[in-house]
Protein backbone atom coordinates (compact mmCIF):
# COMPACT_ATOMS: atom_id res chain seq x y z
CA MET A 1 0.00 0.00 0.00
CA SER A 2 1.62 3.18 -1.19
CA PHE A 3 0.96 6.60 0.28
CA VAL A 4 -0.30 7.78 -3.11
CA SER A 5 -2.77 4.92 -3.70
CA TRP A 6 -6.52 4.90 -3.27
CA GLN A 7 -6.15 1.95 -0.84
CA TYR A 8 -4.13 4.12 1.53
CA ALA A 9 -6.67 6.95 1.29
CA ALA A 10 -9.49 4.54 2.17
CA PHE A 11 -7.41 3.03 4.98
CA LEU A 12 -6.57 6.45 6.40
CA ILE A 13 -10.19 7.63 6.30
CA ALA A 14 -11.36 4.44 8.03
CA VAL A 15 -8.72 4.76 10.76
CA VAL A 16 -9.49 8.45 11.39
CA ILE A 17 -13.23 7.81 11.65
CA ALA A 18 -12.67 4.83 13.97
CA TYR A 19 -10.17 6.86 16.02
CA TRP A 20 -12.65 9.59 16.89
CA GLY A 21 -15.31 7.04 17.81
CA LEU A 22 -13.22 5.25 20.43
CA SER A 23 -12.17 5.91 24.01
CA GLN A 24 -8.60 6.88 24.94
CA ARG A 25 -7.48 3.27 25.49
CA GLY A 26 -9.28 2.11 22.35
CA ARG A 27 -7.46 4.75 20.31
CA ILE A 28 -4.09 3.42 21.44
CA TYR A 29 -4.98 -0.13 20.39
CA LEU A 30 -6.46 1.06 17.11
CA LEU A 31 -3.27 2.92 16.19
CA LEU A 32 -1.14 -0.06 17.21
CA PHE A 33 -3.12 -2.55 15.13
CA ALA A 34 -3.48 -0.12 12.20
CA SER A 35 0.31 0.25 12.17
CA TYR A 36 0.77 -3.52 12.14
CA TYR A 37 -1.74 -3.86 9.29
CA PHE A 38 -0.07 -1.09 7.29
CA TYR A 39 3.37 -2.67 7.56
CA ALA A 40 2.00 -6.18 6.91
CA TRP A 41 0.46 -4.91 3.67
CA TRP A 42 3.99 -4.41 2.27
CA ASP A 43 5.61 -7.56 3.66
CA LEU A 44 4.77 -9.84 6.59
CA ARG A 45 8.42 -9.82 7.67
CA TYR A 46 7.98 -6.20 8.75
CA CYS A 47 5.51 -7.37 11.40
CA ALA A 48 8.25 -9.38 13.12
CA LEU A 49 10.43 -6.26 13.19
CA LEU A 50 7.56 -4.14 14.47
CA LEU A 51 6.60 -6.67 17.17
CA THR A 52 10.21 -6.88 18.35
CA SER A 53 10.55 -3.12 18.44
CA THR A 54 7.24 -2.77 20.31
CA ALA A 55 8.25 -5.35 22.93
CA ILE A 56 11.66 -3.75 23.51
CA ASP A 57 10.17 -0.25 23.78
CA TYR A 58 7.48 -1.46 26.18
CA LEU A 59 9.99 -3.23 28.44
CA CYS A 60 12.36 -0.25 28.39
CA GLY A 61 9.47 2.03 29.33
CA LEU A 62 8.59 -0.22 32.25
CA GLY A 63 12.23 -0.26 33.27
CA LEU A 64 12.51 3.51 33.21
CA ALA A 65 9.37 3.76 35.32
CA GLY A 66 10.80 1.23 37.78
CA ILE A 67 7.86 -1.16 37.41
CA ARG A 68 8.39 -4.76 38.44
CA LEU A 69 7.45 -7.70 36.25
CA GLY A 70 7.11 -10.76 38.46
CA ARG A 71 10.27 -11.20 40.51
CA VAL A 72 12.50 -9.27 38.12
CA LYS A 73 12.76 -5.54 38.67
CA LEU A 74 13.28 -3.63 35.49
CA GLY A 75 14.78 -0.29 36.29
CA LEU A 76 17.60 1.80 35.01
CA ILE A 77 16.68 4.60 37.41
CA SER A 78 15.44 2.62 40.37
CA THR A 79 16.82 4.92 43.09
CA LEU A 80 14.52 7.84 42.28
């Protein structure tokens, strides 16, 4: 799906309409899944890259916030 195709225009319009009809949490999930769909349209291998990047960013964010996952404490700044 190219940015200059009619498929992208239809996709963008559908996402924008759905975005304004959802709650705050729903909007986050919509944008996440719309991003996965957009990258998968080009090549499914991009989804593996996107999933890996999402997982690493999520875990780093938890670590920076000092949030524990099970018995392991993720935290680069755990003394604050």
